[in-house]
Amino acid sequence: MKTVYNNLLIIYYSGTGNSARVSEWIAENARSKGMNVHVASFNKFNPADIAHFEGKTLIGFFSATHGFNMPHSMIAFMLRFKELRGSDTFIGNTRAGMKLWKLFMPGLSGIAMYFPALIMLLKGYEVKAMYPVDLPSNWISLHPGLRRKIVDSMVVHCNSLVNHFADRVLNGRRVYLRSLVLLPLDIIVAPIAIGYYFAGRFMLAKTFVASDKCNACGLCARQCPTKSIIISEKRPYWKFSCESCMHCMNYCPERAIETAHTLVFTILAVFILFLNPIFAGWADALIPQGEFSNPLRELVYFVLQWSMMMLAFWAGYEGLYYLMRFPAINRLISFFSITRFAFWRRYHIPGKQGHN
C-alpha cells in the first residue's frame, strides 16, 4: 500500500518492552514502503537524528499506560517537543491486555491517549490517529506475569492488528474507532487517572525494595528509563520520580526486587481506620457550615488526606529502607511480599534483553 509520507518518527516510553515492540512493528512496515524512519525512546531522542528528513513527516508517540494515563515523563517530553511543528501525528498506548481462553480481552486507556492528543493539537500538530494495543499487562506488583504461551499468542495477535493499523495510518487515513470503543469506561476511570498523576504515582514509587538476593550489580539503576534508582550502601533506592514502569522488577537477574506489601497495607490501614476521621474533623473545623462550604470542605479534606498520605509513604519507606539492611528484617519483609513466590512470574516481551 502506498504511503503519503516521506518520513516516520516514532518516540516511545517503554518499561518492559511492549511500547518499544509496537514502535518497531510500525517502523518495519514503514521501511518496507521505502520511508525514512527513526525510532527512539523519549529519554534518548536527539533532534539531530532527524535533520536529514525531507518532505512530509508522520510523528508517532507510543507509550505504556500508567494509572490510566500516559506516564509523567512522556507527558513532560511531549510538552517540550517542538520539532517538525505542523506535522501529522498519531498517539498510541499499550494497555493491560489479558486473555480468557481464546478470547483476547482489552485493557482500559483512561486518558492515556486523549490528553496527549489534546497537547499535540494545542501545539499545532494534526492528530491523525489514536490507537490502543492490548499487549500483556506487566503490573507485577498486583498480579503475576502471564504464562509464556499466553504471552506469545497475544504478541502474534497484536502484531497482526498493528500492521493493519500501520498500513492505514501511513496511507494518511484517520484511525479513531478502536480508541473510542471503550470510551464510556475510559471516562469512568478518568478520575483515577487524575488521582494517580497527582498522588498515586508518588506513593507507588515508595513500595519497591531489594531483598537479600540483591548482589548490588546496579543493573536496575543503569537501565531505569527515568534515572529514578540510585545505589546507596550497595542497595537500590527508589526516588519519587519513579514511574513504576516495572522494568527493574521484571528484568532483575536475581529476582531481588519486590513490592513491600506489608508497608502498603499497614499505611493504608492506619489511614482508613484512624487518620481519615481526624482529617475530616480538621476540614469541618477549618470550613464552617454554609450554603457553599461543602465543595471547599471536600477540597481541604482531599488535600489533607493525600498530602499526609504521601508524607507517610515517604517516612515509612525511609524507615523501611534503613531496616532492610538487617538480614533478619530483610527476610521478614520479603516473606510477606507476594512477589517473592516462584509462581509470581515476571514479565517482559519476548526477545527483549532488558536494554532501553
Protein backbone atom coordinates (compact mmCIF):
# COMPACT_ATOMS: atom_id res chain seq x y z
CA MET A 1 0.00 0.00 0.00
CA LYS A 2 1.40 3.38 -1.00
CA THR A 3 2.26 5.89 1.74
CA VAL A 4 1.65 9.63 1.60
CA TYR A 5 4.61 10.34 3.90
CA ASN A 6 8.33 10.52 3.24
CA ASN A 7 9.44 10.07 6.85
CA LEU A 8 8.31 8.43 10.05
CA LEU A 9 9.44 9.47 13.53
CA ILE A 10 8.31 7.36 16.49
CA ILE A 11 9.11 8.28 20.07
CA TYR A 12 8.13 5.84 22.80
CA TYR A 13 8.15 5.22 26.54
CA SER A 14 8.54 1.55 27.42
CA GLY A 15 9.26 -0.25 30.67
CA THR A 16 9.13 -3.95 29.83
CA GLY A 17 9.23 -3.64 26.05
CA ASN A 18 5.59 -3.52 24.93
CA SER A 19 5.57 0.01 23.50
CA ALA A 20 9.06 -0.40 22.10
CA ARG A 21 7.97 -3.55 20.24
CA VAL A 22 4.86 -1.87 18.80
CA SER A 23 7.04 1.03 17.63
CA GLU A 24 9.37 -1.47 15.94
CA TRP A 25 6.45 -3.15 14.16
CA ILE A 26 5.22 0.16 12.75
CA ALA A 27 8.77 1.15 11.79
CA GLU A 28 9.31 -2.13 9.93
CA ASN A 29 6.10 -1.54 8.00
CA ALA A 30 7.24 1.98 7.08
CA ARG A 31 10.69 0.81 5.96
CA SER A 32 9.08 -1.77 3.68
CA LYS A 33 7.36 1.16 1.96
CA GLY A 34 10.66 2.99 1.42
CA MET A 35 10.20 5.64 4.10
CA ASN A 36 12.98 7.26 6.14
CA VAL A 37 12.41 6.00 9.68
CA HIS A 38 13.76 7.00 13.09
CA VAL A 39 12.63 5.33 16.32
CA ALA A 40 13.83 6.47 19.74
CA SER A 41 12.98 6.22 23.42
CA PHE A 42 11.82 9.55 24.84
CA ASN A 43 14.95 9.76 27.00
CA LYS A 44 17.33 9.22 24.06
CA PHE A 45 15.73 11.33 21.34
CA ASN A 46 18.09 13.80 19.66
CA PRO A 47 16.67 16.26 17.08
CA ALA A 48 19.95 15.96 15.14
CA ASP A 49 18.98 12.38 14.28
CA ILE A 50 16.15 13.62 12.04
CA ALA A 51 17.99 16.58 10.48
CA HIS A 52 18.11 14.68 7.18
CA PHE A 53 14.31 14.35 6.94
CA GLU A 54 12.90 15.96 3.80
CA GLY A 55 9.31 16.08 2.66
CA LYS A 56 6.25 15.11 4.70
CA THR A 57 6.73 13.52 8.11
CA LEU A 58 4.38 11.49 10.31
CA ILE A 59 5.20 11.59 14.03
CA GLY A 60 4.05 8.85 16.38
CA PHE A 61 4.08 8.92 20.19
CA PHE A 62 3.65 5.48 21.74
CA SER A 63 3.66 4.82 25.44
CA ALA A 64 2.80 2.42 28.21
CA THR A 65 -0.30 3.24 30.26
CA HIS A 66 0.28 4.06 33.92
CA GLY A 67 -2.71 4.57 36.16
CA PHE A 68 -4.98 5.07 33.13
CA ASN A 69 -2.76 7.91 31.95
CA MET A 70 0.42 8.41 29.98
CA PRO A 71 3.50 8.44 32.27
CA HIS A 72 4.51 11.87 33.54
CA SER A 73 7.93 11.67 31.88
CA MET A 74 6.35 11.13 28.47
CA ILE A 75 3.82 13.93 29.00
CA ALA A 76 6.64 16.28 30.01
CA PHE A 77 8.56 15.27 26.88
CA MET A 78 5.56 15.99 24.65
CA LEU A 79 5.06 19.38 26.28
CA ARG A 80 8.66 20.26 25.39
CA PHE A 81 8.54 18.74 21.90
CA LYS A 82 8.67 21.33 19.09
CA GLU A 83 10.30 19.58 16.13
CA LEU A 84 8.53 19.49 12.75
CA ARG A 85 5.67 21.60 14.05
CA GLY A 86 2.54 21.26 11.94
CA SER A 87 3.23 17.64 11.02
CA ASP A 88 0.65 14.87 11.26
CA THR A 89 0.86 12.81 14.43
CA PHE A 90 -0.66 9.72 15.98
CA ILE A 91 -0.97 8.75 19.63
CA GLY A 92 -0.78 5.15 20.79
CA ASN A 93 -0.70 3.30 24.07
CA THR A 94 -0.16 -0.23 25.28
CA ARG A 95 -2.60 -1.17 27.99
CA ALA A 96 -3.17 -4.13 30.28
CA GLY A 97 -4.47 -6.80 27.95
CA MET A 98 -5.46 -10.26 29.13
CA LYS A 99 -6.62 -13.49 27.53
CA LEU A 100 -9.60 -15.59 28.63
CA TRP A 101 -9.42 -18.97 26.92
CA LYS A 102 -9.30 -17.97 23.24
CA LEU A 103 -10.79 -14.53 23.81
CA PHE A 104 -8.40 -11.55 23.81
CA MET A 105 -9.56 -9.11 26.48
CA PRO A 106 -8.91 -5.35 26.10
CA GLY A 107 -7.45 -3.15 28.79
CA LEU A 108 -8.55 0.39 29.59
CA SER A 109 -6.79 3.52 28.38
CA GLY A 110 -8.43 6.12 30.60
CA ILE A 111 -7.00 9.43 29.38
CA ALA A 112 -3.71 7.93 28.15
CA MET A 113 -4.49 8.88 24.54
CA TYR A 114 -6.96 11.75 24.83
CA PHE A 115 -4.85 14.07 26.99
CA PRO A 116 -1.66 13.68 24.90
CA ALA A 117 -3.74 14.18 21.74
CA LEU A 118 -5.03 17.45 23.19
CA ILE A 119 -1.46 18.54 23.96
CA MET A 120 -0.37 17.97 20.38
CA LEU A 121 -3.44 19.70 18.95
CA LEU A 122 -2.78 22.77 21.08
CA LYS A 123 0.87 22.77 19.96
CA GLY A 124 -0.16 22.97 16.31
CA TYR A 125 0.10 19.33 15.19
CA GLU A 126 -2.71 17.43 13.47
CA VAL A 127 -3.69 14.21 15.23
CA LYS A 128 -4.49 11.67 12.52
CA ALA A 129 -4.99 8.62 14.72
CA MET A 130 -5.25 7.22 18.22
CA TYR A 131 -4.61 3.52 18.68
CA PRO A 132 -4.52 1.25 21.76
CA VAL A 133 -2.69 -2.10 21.74
CA ASP A 134 -3.69 -4.77 24.25
CA LEU A 135 -0.35 -6.42 24.94
CA PRO A 136 0.04 -8.30 28.26
CA SER A 137 -0.11 -6.37 31.49
CA ASN A 138 3.23 -6.04 33.31
CA TRP A 139 1.93 -4.73 36.66
CA ILE A 140 3.76 -7.38 38.66
CA SER A 141 3.12 -5.61 41.97
CA LEU A 142 -0.55 -6.55 41.57
CA HIS A 143 -0.57 -9.80 39.60
CA PRO A 144 1.89 -12.41 38.32
CA GLY A 145 3.08 -12.26 34.75
CA LEU A 146 1.06 -14.27 32.25
CA ARG A 147 2.22 -17.71 31.13
CA ARG A 148 4.64 -17.64 28.20
CA LYS A 149 2.22 -19.48 25.89
CA ILE A 150 -0.43 -16.82 26.50
CA VAL A 151 2.08 -14.01 26.07
CA ASP A 152 3.29 -15.43 22.76
CA SER A 153 -0.24 -15.74 21.39
CA MET A 154 -1.10 -12.18 22.44
CA VAL A 155 2.04 -10.84 20.77
CA VAL A 156 1.20 -12.59 17.49
CA HIS A 157 -2.39 -11.33 17.66
CA CYS A 158 -1.33 -7.73 18.36
CA ASN A 159 1.35 -7.82 15.66
CA SER A 160 -1.31 -8.50 13.04
CA LEU A 161 -3.55 -5.71 14.32
CA VAL A 162 -0.70 -3.19 14.49
CA ASN A 163 0.41 -3.95 10.93
CA HIS A 164 -3.14 -3.31 9.72
CA PHE A 165 -3.16 -0.03 11.64
CA ALA A 166 0.24 0.94 10.19
CA ASP A 167 -0.96 0.34 6.64
CA ARG A 168 -3.86 2.68 7.21
CA VAL A 169 -2.13 5.49 9.11
CA LEU A 170 0.90 5.53 6.80
CA ASN A 171 -1.52 5.96 3.92
CA GLY A 172 -2.81 9.13 5.54
CA ARG A 173 -6.09 7.69 6.79
CA ARG A 174 -7.65 8.75 10.07
CA VAL A 175 -7.90 5.91 12.59
CA TYR A 176 -10.00 6.50 15.71
CA LEU A 177 -12.58 3.74 16.02
CA ARG A 178 -10.58 1.31 18.18
CA SER A 179 -9.71 4.11 20.62
CA LEU A 180 -13.37 5.05 21.07
CA VAL A 181 -14.94 1.60 21.57
CA LEU A 182 -14.40 1.69 25.36
CA LEU A 183 -14.82 5.46 25.72
CA PRO A 184 -17.62 5.23 28.36
CA LEU A 185 -15.41 3.06 30.59
CA ASP A 186 -12.40 5.31 29.93
CA ILE A 187 -14.45 8.28 31.13
CA ILE A 188 -15.44 6.39 34.29
CA VAL A 189 -11.80 5.71 35.24
CA ALA A 190 -10.62 9.24 34.33
CA PRO A 191 -10.80 10.43 37.99
CA ILE A 192 -8.50 7.56 38.94
CA ALA A 193 -6.06 8.72 36.24
CA ILE A 194 -6.04 12.23 37.68
CA GLY A 195 -5.57 10.94 41.23
CA TYR A 196 -2.76 8.67 40.10
CA TYR A 197 -0.98 11.51 38.31
CA PHE A 198 -1.07 13.91 41.27
CA ALA A 199 -0.64 11.47 44.14
CA GLY A 200 -0.72 7.74 43.40
CA ARG A 201 2.46 7.56 41.34
CA PHE A 202 4.49 9.12 44.15
CA MET A 203 3.24 6.57 46.66
CA LEU A 204 3.83 3.61 44.36
CA ALA A 205 7.39 4.85 43.84
CA LYS A 206 8.00 4.13 47.52
CA THR A 207 6.92 0.50 47.53
CA PHE A 208 9.92 -1.19 45.89
CA VAL A 209 12.61 -2.90 47.94
CA ALA A 210 15.57 -5.18 47.28
CA SER A 211 15.65 -8.49 49.11
CA ASP A 212 18.79 -10.20 50.38
CA LYS A 213 19.13 -11.76 46.90
CA CYS A 214 20.40 -8.39 45.64
CA ASN A 215 24.09 -8.51 44.69
CA ALA A 216 24.39 -4.75 44.07
CA CYS A 217 25.08 -5.25 40.36
CA GLY A 218 23.49 -1.85 39.62
CA LEU A 219 21.65 -3.07 36.53
CA CYS A 220 18.36 -1.60 37.74
CA ALA A 221 19.89 1.87 38.18
CA ARG A 222 21.66 1.80 34.81
CA GLN A 223 18.57 0.73 32.89
CA CYS A 224 15.92 2.83 34.66
CA PRO A 225 14.35 4.98 31.90
CA THR A 226 13.76 7.89 34.29
CA LYS A 227 17.02 7.57 36.28
CA SER A 228 14.96 7.16 39.42
CA ILE A 229 17.07 4.46 41.09
CA ILE A 230 20.28 5.20 42.92
CA ILE A 231 22.61 2.71 44.60
CA SER A 232 23.09 3.65 48.23
CA GLU A 233 25.07 1.47 50.62
CA LYS A 234 25.14 -1.26 47.95
CA ARG A 235 21.34 -1.37 47.68
CA PRO A 236 18.93 0.28 45.21
CA TYR A 237 16.87 3.21 46.45
CA TRP A 238 13.78 4.43 44.56
CA LYS A 239 13.18 8.18 44.29
CA PHE A 240 9.79 9.88 43.95
CA SER A 241 10.44 10.30 40.22
CA CYS A 242 9.96 6.54 39.75
CA GLU A 243 7.17 5.88 37.24
CA SER A 244 6.53 2.29 38.41
CA CYS A 245 7.19 1.04 34.88
CA MET A 246 8.22 -2.34 36.35
CA HIS A 247 11.39 -2.55 34.25
CA CYS A 248 13.61 -3.09 37.29
CA MET A 249 11.39 -5.73 38.87
CA ASN A 250 10.87 -7.67 35.67
CA TYR A 251 14.48 -7.63 34.47
CA CYS A 252 16.42 -8.11 37.71
CA PRO A 253 18.52 -11.24 37.02
CA GLU A 254 18.33 -12.26 40.70
CA ARG A 255 14.57 -11.60 41.13
CA ALA A 256 15.66 -9.49 44.08
CA ILE A 257 13.29 -6.57 43.56
CA GLU A 258 9.96 -6.93 45.30
CA THR A 259 6.98 -4.88 46.39
CA ALA A 260 6.78 -4.15 50.11
CA HIS A 261 3.13 -5.13 50.53
CA THR A 262 3.45 -5.03 54.32
CA LEU A 263 4.33 -1.33 54.13
CA VAL A 264 1.46 -0.58 51.77
CA PHE A 265 -1.19 -2.45 53.75
CA THR A 266 -0.01 -1.03 57.07
CA ILE A 267 -0.06 2.58 55.93
CA LEU A 268 -3.43 2.22 54.19
CA ALA A 269 -4.96 0.51 57.25
CA VAL A 270 -3.75 3.26 59.59
CA PHE A 271 -5.15 5.94 57.29
CA ILE A 272 -8.52 4.31 56.75
CA LEU A 273 -9.13 3.32 60.36
CA PHE A 274 -7.55 6.18 62.31
CA LEU A 275 -6.36 9.20 60.34
CA ASN A 276 -9.16 9.82 57.83
CA PRO A 277 -11.71 10.63 60.56
CA ILE A 278 -9.21 13.09 62.06
CA PHE A 279 -8.66 14.83 58.70
CA ALA A 280 -12.42 15.03 58.16
CA GLY A 281 -12.75 16.70 61.56
CA TRP A 282 -10.00 19.20 60.70
CA ALA A 283 -11.76 20.06 57.44
CA ASP A 284 -15.04 20.63 59.30
CA ALA A 285 -13.26 22.86 61.82
CA LEU A 286 -11.46 24.92 59.17
CA ILE A 287 -14.53 25.44 56.95
CA PRO A 288 -17.69 26.41 58.87
CA GLN A 289 -21.06 25.10 57.72
CA GLY A 290 -22.64 27.22 55.00
CA GLU A 291 -24.52 27.12 51.73
CA PHE A 292 -21.36 26.98 49.60
CA SER A 293 -18.98 25.39 52.08
CA ASN A 294 -19.31 21.70 51.15
CA PRO A 295 -17.16 21.76 47.96
CA LEU A 296 -14.47 23.78 49.72
CA ARG A 297 -14.52 21.46 52.72
CA GLU A 298 -14.18 18.44 50.43
CA LEU A 299 -11.20 20.09 48.73
CA VAL A 300 -9.49 20.78 52.06
CA TYR A 301 -10.15 17.19 53.14
CA PHE A 302 -8.73 15.86 49.87
CA VAL A 303 -5.55 17.95 50.14
CA LEU A 304 -5.03 16.95 53.78
CA GLN A 305 -5.66 13.30 53.05
CA TRP A 306 -3.38 12.89 50.06
CA SER A 307 -0.56 15.17 51.19
CA MET A 308 -0.32 13.38 54.53
CA MET A 309 -0.51 10.00 52.84
CA MET A 310 2.42 10.89 50.58
CA LEU A 311 4.33 12.07 53.63
CA ALA A 312 3.53 8.79 55.38
CA PHE A 313 4.73 6.73 52.42
CA TRP A 314 7.96 8.71 52.28
CA ALA A 315 8.61 8.41 56.02
CA GLY A 316 7.63 4.74 56.08
CA TYR A 317 9.88 3.99 53.13
CA GLU A 318 12.84 5.78 54.68
CA GLY A 319 12.43 3.70 57.83
CA LEU A 320 11.94 0.50 55.87
CA TYR A 321 15.00 1.20 53.71
CA TYR A 322 17.10 1.57 56.86
CA LEU A 323 15.70 -1.61 58.42
CA MET A 324 16.20 -3.68 55.27
CA ARG A 325 19.95 -3.60 55.88
CA PHE A 326 19.43 -6.05 58.75
CA PRO A 327 19.24 -9.60 57.30
CA ALA A 328 16.51 -10.86 59.66
CA ILE A 329 14.20 -7.91 58.93
CA ASN A 330 15.02 -8.08 55.24
CA ARG A 331 13.91 -11.69 55.10
CA LEU A 332 10.80 -10.92 57.16
CA ILE A 333 9.69 -8.10 54.84
CA SER A 334 10.39 -10.24 51.79
CA PHE A 335 8.46 -13.14 53.31
CA PHE A 336 5.29 -11.04 53.42
CA SER A 337 5.65 -9.84 49.83
CA ILE A 338 3.57 -11.88 47.39
CA THR A 339 6.04 -11.06 44.61
CA ARG A 340 8.63 -13.40 46.19
CA PHE A 341 6.78 -16.60 45.32
CA ALA A 342 8.15 -18.68 42.46
CA PHE A 343 4.74 -18.80 40.75
CA TRP A 344 4.67 -14.97 40.69
CA ARG A 345 6.07 -14.77 37.17
CA ARG A 346 7.99 -11.76 35.91
CA TYR A 347 7.13 -10.29 32.53
CA HIS A 348 8.95 -8.85 29.57
CA ILE A 349 8.00 -9.01 25.94
CA PRO A 350 9.68 -11.95 24.13
CA GLY A 351 13.05 -11.12 22.65
CA LYS A 352 13.76 -8.06 24.78
CA GLN A 353 17.07 -8.28 26.65
CA GLY A 354 16.50 -5.55 29.21
CA HIS A 355 18.00 -2.55 27.46
CA ASN A 356 16.19 0.77 26.96
